[in-house]
C-alpha atoms as a PDB file:
ATOM      1  CA  MET A   1       8.117   5.281  11.210  1.00  0.00           C
ATOM      2  CA  ASN A   2       5.547   3.476  13.327  1.00  0.00           C
ATOM      3  CA  LYS A   3       5.345  -0.253  14.137  1.00  0.00           C
ATOM      4  CA  ILE A   4       2.756  -0.979  11.453  1.00  0.00           C
ATOM      5  CA  GLN A   5       4.861   0.690   8.761  1.00  0.00           C
ATOM      6  CA  ARG A   6       7.950  -1.152  10.011  1.00  0.00           C
ATOM      7  CA  ARG A   7       6.192  -4.528   9.793  1.00  0.00           C
ATOM      8  CA  LEU A   8       4.985  -3.863   6.251  1.00  0.00           C
ATOM      9  CA  PHE A   9       8.391  -2.610   5.114  1.00  0.00           C
ATOM     10  CA  ARG A  10       9.990  -5.714   6.673  1.00  0.00           C
ATOM     11  CA  ALA A  11       7.601  -7.909   4.663  1.00  0.00           C
ATOM     12  CA  PHE A  12       8.507  -5.890   1.553  1.00  0.00           C
ATOM     13  CA  LEU A  13      12.233  -6.416   2.156  1.00  0.00           C
ATOM     14  CA  ASP A  14      11.779 -10.108   2.997  1.00  0.00           C
ATOM     15  CA  SER A  15       9.985 -10.666  -0.310  1.00  0.00           C
ATOM     16  CA  GLY A  16      12.789  -9.112  -2.380  1.00  0.00           C
ATOM     17  CA  GLY A  17      11.851  -5.421  -2.285  1.00  0.00           C
ATOM     18  CA  ASP A  18      14.463  -2.688  -2.521  1.00  0.00           C
ATOM     19  CA  ILE A  19      13.795   0.429  -0.439  1.00  0.00           C
ATOM     20  CA  THR A  20      16.526   2.312  -2.283  1.00  0.00           C
ATOM     21  CA  ASN A  21      14.657   1.939  -5.596  1.00  0.00           C
ATOM     22  CA  GLU A  22      12.193   4.840  -5.723  1.00  0.00           C
ATOM     23  CA  VAL A  23       9.971   3.244  -8.359  1.00  0.00           C
ATOM     24  CA  GLU A  24       9.779  -0.068  -6.535  1.00  0.00           C
ATOM     25  CA  LEU A  25       9.052   1.713  -3.256  1.00  0.00           C
ATOM     26  CA  GLU A  26       6.216   3.652  -4.904  1.00  0.00           C
ATOM     27  CA  ARG A  27       4.842   0.361  -6.300  1.00  0.00           C
ATOM     28  CA  PHE A  28       4.930  -1.098  -2.786  1.00  0.00           C
ATOM     29  CA  VAL A  29       3.014   1.832  -1.267  1.00  0.00           C
ATOM     30  CA  ARG A  30       0.427   1.714  -4.053  1.00  0.00           C
ATOM     31  CA  TYR A  31       0.088  -2.046  -3.627  1.00  0.00           C
ATOM     32  CA  VAL A  32      -0.461  -1.699   0.139  1.00  0.00           C
ATOM     33  CA  GLU A  33      -3.104   0.970  -0.498  1.00  0.00           C
ATOM     34  CA  ALA A  34      -4.797  -1.246  -3.107  1.00  0.00           C
ATOM     35  CA  VAL A  35      -4.877  -4.312  -0.837  1.00  0.00           C
ATOM     36  CA  LEU A  36      -6.022  -2.106   2.036  1.00  0.00           C
ATOM     37  CA  SER A  37      -8.999  -0.977  -0.025  1.00  0.00           C
ATOM     38  CA  LEU A  38     -10.097  -4.623  -0.371  1.00  0.00           C
ATOM     39  CA  LEU A  39     -10.249  -5.322   3.369  1.00  0.00           C
ATOM     40  CA  PRO A  40     -13.612  -5.366   5.150  1.00  0.00           C
ATOM     41  CA  PRO A  41     -14.670  -1.811   6.113  1.00  0.00           C
ATOM     42  CA  LYS A  42     -13.936  -2.018   9.861  1.00  0.00           C
ATOM     43  CA  LEU A  43     -10.510  -3.574   9.289  1.00  0.00           C
ATOM     44  CA  ARG A  44      -9.756  -1.176   6.441  1.00  0.00           C
ATOM     45  CA  LEU A  45     -10.431   1.934   8.507  1.00  0.00           C
ATOM     46  CA  ALA A  46      -8.510   0.653  11.538  1.00  0.00           C
ATOM     47  CA  VAL A  47      -5.428  -0.389   9.550  1.00  0.00           C
ATOM     48  CA  ASP A  48      -5.513   2.745   7.383  1.00  0.00           C
ATOM     49  CA  LEU A  49      -5.541   5.032  10.422  1.00  0.00           C
ATOM     50  CA  ALA A  50      -2.782   3.035  12.139  1.00  0.00           C
ATOM     51  CA  TRP A  51      -0.678   2.821   8.918  1.00  0.00           C
ATOM     52  CA  ARG A  52      -0.784   6.597   8.504  1.00  0.00           C
ATOM     53  CA  ALA A  53      -0.251   7.445  12.202  1.00  0.00           C
ATOM     54  CA  SER A  54       2.975   9.285  12.927  1.00  0.00           C
ATOM     55  CA  ASP A  55       3.626   7.838  16.388  1.00  0.00           C
ATOM     56  CA  SER A  56       4.642   4.309  17.251  1.00  0.00           C
ATOM     57  CA  SER A  57       1.783   3.597  19.675  1.00  0.00           C
ATOM     58  CA  PRO A  58      -1.308   5.139  18.114  1.00  0.00           C
ATOM     59  CA  TYR A  59      -3.979   2.864  19.582  1.00  0.00           C
ATOM     60  CA  VAL A  60      -5.555   5.183  22.198  1.00  0.00           C
ATOM     61  CA  ARG A  61      -5.630   8.191  19.868  1.00  0.00           C
ATOM     62  CA  VAL A  62      -6.747   6.170  16.841  1.00  0.00           C
ATOM     63  CA  ALA A  63      -9.442   4.410  18.913  1.00  0.00           C
ATOM     64  CA  ARG A  64     -10.940   7.834  19.711  1.00  0.00           C
ATOM     65  CA  ILE A  65     -10.899   8.795  16.017  1.00  0.00           C
ATOM     66  CA  LEU A  66     -12.431   5.464  15.051  1.00  0.00           C
ATOM     67  CA  SER A  67     -15.146   5.825  17.700  1.00  0.00           C
ATOM     68  CA  GLN A  68     -16.092   9.219  16.281  1.00  0.00           C
ATOM     69  CA  ARG A  69     -16.205   7.923  12.709  1.00  0.00           C
ATOM     70  CA  GLU A  70     -18.222   4.814  13.550  1.00  0.00           C
ATOM     71  CA  GLY A  71     -20.545   6.582  15.986  1.00  0.00           C
ATOM     72  CA  GLY A  72     -19.895   4.045  18.752  1.00  0.00           C
ATOM     73  CA  GLN A  73     -17.280   3.237  21.356  1.00  0.00           C
ATOM     74  CA  VAL A  74     -14.215   1.388  20.024  1.00  0.00           C
ATOM     75  CA  SER A  75     -11.756   0.360  22.720  1.00  0.00           C
ATOM     76  CA  PRO A  76      -7.999   0.355  22.148  1.00  0.00           C
ATOM     77  CA  GLN A  77      -8.089  -3.455  22.566  1.00  0.00           C
ATOM     78  CA  ALA A  78     -10.747  -3.824  19.843  1.00  0.00           C
ATOM     79  CA  LEU A  79      -8.721  -1.526  17.605  1.00  0.00           C
ATOM     80  CA  ARG A  80      -5.585  -3.595  18.247  1.00  0.00           C
ATOM     81  CA  GLN A  81      -7.453  -6.752  17.228  1.00  0.00           C
ATOM     82  CA  ARG A  82      -8.725  -5.154  14.012  1.00  0.00           C
ATOM     83  CA  VAL A  83      -5.287  -3.801  13.144  1.00  0.00           C
ATOM     84  CA  SER A  84      -3.688  -7.155  13.886  1.00  0.00           C
ATOM     85  CA  ARG A  85      -6.120  -9.067  11.632  1.00  0.00           C
ATOM     86  CA  GLY A  86      -5.815  -6.544   8.828  1.00  0.00           C
ATOM     87  CA  LEU A  87      -2.048  -6.310   9.141  1.00  0.00           C
ATOM     88  CA  ARG A  88      -1.640 -10.092   8.951  1.00  0.00           C
ATOM     89  CA  GLU A  89      -3.616 -10.056   5.704  1.00  0.00           C
ATOM     90  CA  LEU A  90      -1.552  -7.176   4.293  1.00  0.00           C
ATOM     91  CA  GLU A  91       1.738  -8.800   5.289  1.00  0.00           C
ATOM     92  CA  GLY A  92       0.674 -12.055   3.649  1.00  0.00           C
ATOM     93  CA  GLN A  93      -0.215 -10.274   0.412  1.00  0.00           C
ATOM     94  CA  VAL A  94       3.060  -8.293   0.408  1.00  0.00           C
ATOM     95  CA  ARG A  95       5.134 -11.420   1.090  1.00  0.00           C
ATOM     96  CA  GLN A  96       3.461 -13.327  -1.770  1.00  0.00           C
ATOM     97  CA  ARG A  97       4.426 -10.711  -4.329  1.00  0.00           C
ATOM     98  CA  GLN A  98       7.773 -10.735  -6.130  1.00  0.00           C
ATOM     99  CA  TRP A  99       9.178  -7.214  -5.841  1.00  0.00           C
ATOM    100  CA  ASP A 100      12.506  -7.696  -7.577  1.00  0.00           C
ATOM    101  CA  HIS A 101      10.984  -8.093 -11.046  1.00  0.00           C
ATOM    102  CA  GLY A 102       9.891  -4.784 -12.533  1.00  0.00           C
ATOM    103  CA  PRO A 103       7.700  -4.308 -15.606  1.00  0.00           C
ATOM    104  CA  THR A 104       9.074  -5.388 -18.962  1.00  0.00           C
ATOM    105  CA  VAL A 105       8.569  -4.325 -22.568  1.00  0.00           C
ATOM    106  CA  ASN A 106       9.578  -6.895 -25.191  1.00  0.00           C
ATOM    107  CA  GLY A 107      11.480  -8.872 -22.529  1.00  0.00           C
ATOM    108  CA  THR A 108      13.532  -5.872 -21.369  1.00  0.00           C
ATOM    109  CA  ARG A 109      13.105  -4.573 -17.824  1.00  0.00           C
ATOM    110  CA  VAL A 110      12.025  -0.940 -17.792  1.00  0.00           C
ATOM    111  CA  GLN A 111      11.460   1.645 -15.111  1.00  0.00           C
ATOM    112  CA  PRO A 112       8.120   3.426 -15.406  1.00  0.00           C
ATOM    113  CA  SER A 113       8.424   7.173 -15.354  1.00  0.00           C
ATOM    114  CA  LEU A 114       7.340   9.204 -12.355  1.00  0.00           C
ATOM    115  CA  ARG A 115       5.123  12.211 -12.910  1.00  0.00           C
ATOM    116  CA  PRO A 116       3.889  14.530 -10.174  1.00  0.00           C
ATOM    117  CA  ALA A 117       0.278  13.969  -9.230  1.00  0.00           C
ATOM    118  CA  GLY A 118      -2.078  16.823  -8.438  1.00  0.00           C
ATOM    119  CA  ASP A 119      -1.073  16.638  -4.758  1.00  0.00           C
ATOM    120  CA  GLY A 120       2.637  16.966  -5.571  1.00  0.00           C
ATOM    121  CA  ARG A 121       3.460  13.301  -4.903  1.00  0.00           C
ATOM    122  CA  PRO A 122       5.067  11.338  -7.710  1.00  0.00           C
ATOM    123  CA  ARG A 123       2.830   8.829  -9.443  1.00  0.00           C
ATOM    124  CA  LEU A 124       3.659   5.971 -11.724  1.00  0.00           C
ATOM    125  CA  ILE A 125       2.947   6.235 -15.419  1.00  0.00           C
ATOM    126  CA  ALA A 126       3.063   2.763 -16.921  1.00  0.00           C
ATOM    127  CA  PRO A 127       5.150   2.436 -20.067  1.00  0.00           C
ATOM    128  CA  ILE A 128       3.219   1.805 -23.246  1.00  0.00           C
ATOM    129  CA  SER A 129       4.379  -1.063 -25.379  1.00  0.00           C
ATOM    130  CA  PRO A 130       5.758   0.064 -28.779  1.00  0.00           C
ATOM    131  CA  SER A 131       3.349  -2.366 -30.450  1.00  0.00           C
ATOM    132  CA  PHE A 132       0.307  -0.743 -28.803  1.00  0.00           C
ATOM    133  CA  SER A 133      -1.533   1.599 -31.140  1.00  0.00           C
ATOM    134  CA  ALA A 134      -4.367   4.124 -30.852  1.00  0.00           C
ATOM    135  CA  SER A 135      -6.573   1.926 -33.005  1.00  0.00           C
ATOM    136  CA  GLU A 136      -6.166  -0.933 -30.498  1.00  0.00           C
ATOM    137  CA  ALA A 137      -7.140   1.439 -27.675  1.00  0.00           C
ATOM    138  CA  ALA A 138     -10.285   2.451 -29.557  1.00  0.00           C
ATOM    139  CA  ARG A 139     -11.338  -1.218 -29.852  1.00  0.00           C
ATOM    140  CA  LYS A 140     -11.056  -1.862 -26.090  1.00  0.00           C
END
């Protein structure tokens, strides 16, 4: 686990997340990926590469990758600044969310089922409310 992952998981735990709950952990990863997609392009690419890096000090290697993708020179210091700005935003978003309250149906907490995605990773399938009907879906 690298430093970026550790910081995000710490924010997840601090905001009530449970890393032993597989469903909640999957929700956290999906949430991080969703918030990441909303960052400005330069921040998004920098944080995404650093978030997925396997080593704990990826800046020199990731700066080279980023330079190739952007077609210009990106220094490790510039990368660090981008990652820092993006990571602060992600941490803030993760800390604002309440992770200890899962989805509910008719006031009862339920665990969405996990189904394998095409790449073999589990994906969340949201439960459908018993009152939801096909005719309602057709109207939407």
